[in-house]
Amino acid sequence: MRVHIGGDHAAYDLKCALVTFLQGKGYDVVDHGPAYFDAEDDYPVAVLRAAEAVSGDLGAFGIVLGGSGNGEQMAANKVRGIRAALAYNVELAVLARTHNNAQVLSIGARMNTQAEAEAMAETFLTTEFSGDLRHARRLAMVERYEQHGQLPPIPAAEG
């Protein structure tokens, strides 16, 4: 399985550690940067490239990293067709996959230890989407909005 990864200076060390960890688990890791530590770099540079790579690579996943993971998640979600989820524990990584069929995991390096990040990444990459009708229905609503600007209908009041 291919994993596209990208981040910024705040997560540079964690990104490098995750690349090594994931490669050791047998994943085909594509590192979108940064290639070196630069305290003034900007997360959209590598994060948008990683998310775009996921969108064009059927079956691939992504991991984006920053100080909090918030900006990185927001940037990745701007890429058409991408569902990026911010997680700060394993349970959220599971829900991102089982309920939301997320393809990109966002992690905050200042919020999590390396061990926590490794556990979330491995869980995210090995967890399948549940396929439950209610989750698929909700994702279809979001996709229709993304593709066509169509808001979901308001349910009729019962009574």
Protein backbone atom coordinates (compact mmCIF):
# COMPACT_ATOMS: atom_id res chain seq x y z
CA MET A 1 0.00 0.00 0.00
CA ARG A 2 1.27 3.46 -0.88
CA VAL A 3 1.27 6.18 1.77
CA HIS A 4 1.85 9.81 0.83
CA ILE A 5 3.20 11.89 3.71
CA GLY A 6 3.88 15.59 4.13
CA GLY A 7 4.19 18.20 6.83
CA ASP A 8 6.04 21.23 8.05
CA HIS A 9 8.85 22.28 10.38
CA ALA A 10 6.80 21.67 13.53
CA ALA A 11 6.44 18.02 12.57
CA TYR A 12 9.68 17.49 10.68
CA ASP A 13 11.18 15.05 13.20
CA LEU A 14 7.90 13.14 13.57
CA LYS A 15 7.47 12.95 9.78
CA CYS A 16 10.95 11.47 9.41
CA ALA A 17 10.27 8.97 12.20
CA LEU A 18 6.94 7.94 10.63
CA VAL A 19 8.55 7.46 7.22
CA THR A 20 11.07 5.05 8.78
CA PHE A 21 8.37 3.33 10.87
CA LEU A 22 6.01 2.84 7.93
CA GLN A 23 8.75 1.65 5.59
CA GLY A 24 9.72 -0.87 8.27
CA LYS A 25 6.12 -2.14 8.20
CA GLY A 26 6.38 -2.66 4.44
CA TYR A 27 4.49 0.39 3.22
CA ASP A 28 5.54 2.17 0.02
CA VAL A 29 6.04 5.65 1.47
CA VAL A 30 6.24 8.74 -0.73
CA ASP A 31 7.66 11.67 1.23
CA HIS A 32 6.39 15.01 -0.10
CA GLY A 33 8.51 17.00 2.30
CA PRO A 34 9.89 18.95 3.75
CA ALA A 35 13.25 17.45 2.85
CA TYR A 36 15.05 19.40 5.58
CA PHE A 37 14.20 21.44 8.67
CA ASP A 38 13.29 25.06 7.95
CA ALA A 39 11.68 26.91 10.86
CA GLU A 40 9.99 29.30 8.42
CA ASP A 41 8.43 26.79 6.01
CA ASP A 42 4.71 26.68 5.25
CA TYR A 43 2.62 23.54 5.69
CA PRO A 44 0.53 23.91 2.50
CA VAL A 45 3.62 23.26 0.35
CA ALA A 46 3.99 19.59 1.32
CA VAL A 47 0.49 18.91 2.63
CA LEU A 48 -1.32 19.89 -0.56
CA ARG A 49 1.11 17.82 -2.61
CA ALA A 50 0.55 14.78 -0.39
CA ALA A 51 -3.25 15.16 -0.52
CA GLU A 52 -3.23 15.68 -4.31
CA ALA A 53 -1.09 12.58 -4.69
CA VAL A 54 -3.62 10.56 -2.68
CA SER A 55 -6.49 11.87 -4.82
CA GLY A 56 -4.75 10.62 -7.96
CA ASP A 57 -3.48 7.31 -6.57
CA LEU A 58 -6.32 4.80 -6.24
CA GLY A 59 -6.05 2.83 -3.00
CA ALA A 60 -3.36 5.08 -1.53
CA PHE A 61 -3.60 6.87 1.80
CA GLY A 62 -1.99 9.97 3.22
CA ILE A 63 -0.64 11.29 6.48
CA VAL A 64 -0.19 15.01 7.00
CA LEU A 65 1.55 16.52 9.99
CA GLY A 66 2.03 19.85 11.65
CA GLY A 67 2.18 21.37 15.10
CA SER A 68 -1.51 20.86 15.86
CA GLY A 69 -2.66 19.07 12.72
CA ASN A 70 -5.52 21.55 12.30
CA GLY A 71 -4.20 23.60 9.40
CA GLU A 72 -2.90 20.49 7.70
CA GLN A 73 -6.32 18.83 7.88
CA MET A 74 -7.98 21.96 6.53
CA ALA A 75 -5.53 22.21 3.64
CA ALA A 76 -5.87 18.53 2.72
CA ASN A 77 -9.66 18.84 2.75
CA LYS A 78 -9.44 21.53 0.06
CA VAL A 79 -8.26 18.89 -2.42
CA ARG A 80 -11.29 17.67 -4.37
CA GLY A 81 -12.39 14.21 -3.27
CA ILE A 82 -10.21 14.08 -0.18
CA ARG A 83 -11.58 13.39 3.27
CA ALA A 84 -8.92 14.25 5.83
CA ALA A 85 -9.47 13.63 9.53
CA LEU A 86 -7.59 15.07 12.49
CA ALA A 87 -6.96 12.43 15.13
CA TYR A 88 -5.35 12.71 18.52
CA ASN A 89 -5.92 9.14 19.64
CA VAL A 90 -6.38 5.68 18.15
CA GLU A 91 -10.16 5.73 18.61
CA LEU A 92 -10.48 8.79 16.36
CA ALA A 93 -8.22 7.16 13.77
CA VAL A 94 -10.55 4.14 13.76
CA LEU A 95 -13.67 6.31 13.42
CA ALA A 96 -12.08 8.33 10.62
CA ARG A 97 -11.87 5.12 8.60
CA THR A 98 -14.93 3.13 9.74
CA HIS A 99 -17.43 6.01 9.71
CA ASN A 100 -15.93 8.58 7.34
CA ASN A 101 -13.84 6.53 4.92
CA ALA A 102 -11.08 9.14 5.29
CA GLN A 103 -8.08 8.73 3.03
CA VAL A 104 -5.85 11.19 4.87
CA LEU A 105 -4.92 11.26 8.55
CA SER A 106 -3.76 14.50 10.13
CA ILE A 107 -1.60 14.38 13.26
CA GLY A 108 -0.32 17.17 15.48
CA ALA A 109 3.31 16.63 16.43
CA ARG A 110 2.99 18.96 19.42
CA MET A 111 -0.08 17.07 20.60
CA ASN A 112 1.14 13.47 20.33
CA THR A 113 4.21 11.42 21.11
CA GLN A 114 5.97 9.43 18.42
CA ALA A 115 4.53 6.21 19.83
CA GLU A 116 1.00 7.63 19.75
CA ALA A 117 1.48 8.85 16.18
CA GLU A 118 2.78 5.45 15.09
CA ALA A 119 -0.19 3.71 16.69
CA MET A 120 -2.66 6.09 15.04
CA ALA A 121 -0.98 5.76 11.64
CA GLU A 122 -0.89 1.97 11.75
CA THR A 123 -4.50 1.79 12.95
CA PHE A 124 -5.67 4.21 10.27
CA LEU A 125 -3.91 2.29 7.51
CA THR A 126 -5.22 -1.12 8.61
CA THR A 127 -8.82 -0.17 9.37
CA GLU A 128 -11.48 -0.66 6.69
CA PHE A 129 -14.50 1.54 6.00
CA SER A 130 -17.54 -0.16 7.57
CA GLY A 131 -19.70 0.34 4.49
CA ASP A 132 -22.73 0.79 6.74
CA LEU A 133 -25.62 2.33 4.83
CA ARG A 134 -25.93 5.32 7.17
CA HIS A 135 -22.25 6.21 6.75
CA ALA A 136 -22.34 5.72 2.99
CA ARG A 137 -25.49 7.89 2.78
CA ARG A 138 -23.80 10.71 4.71
CA LEU A 139 -20.66 10.54 2.58
CA ALA A 140 -22.82 10.68 -0.56
CA MET A 141 -24.44 13.87 0.75
CA VAL A 142 -21.05 15.47 1.27
CA GLU A 143 -19.84 14.31 -2.15
CA ARG A 144 -22.94 15.74 -3.90
CA TYR A 145 -22.30 19.04 -2.17
CA GLU A 146 -18.62 19.00 -3.14
CA GLN A 147 -19.34 18.09 -6.76
CA HIS A 148 -22.53 20.05 -7.43
CA GLY A 149 -23.17 22.40 -4.49
CA GLN A 150 -26.32 20.44 -3.70
CA LEU A 151 -27.40 20.74 -0.07
CA PRO A 152 -28.97 17.63 1.47
CA PRO A 153 -32.76 17.84 1.79
CA ILE A 154 -34.17 18.77 5.18
CA PRO A 155 -36.11 15.78 6.54
CA ALA A 156 -39.87 16.24 6.73
CA ALA A 157 -41.18 16.67 10.25
CA GLU A 158 -43.05 13.70 11.60
CA GLY A 159 -46.29 14.20 13.35
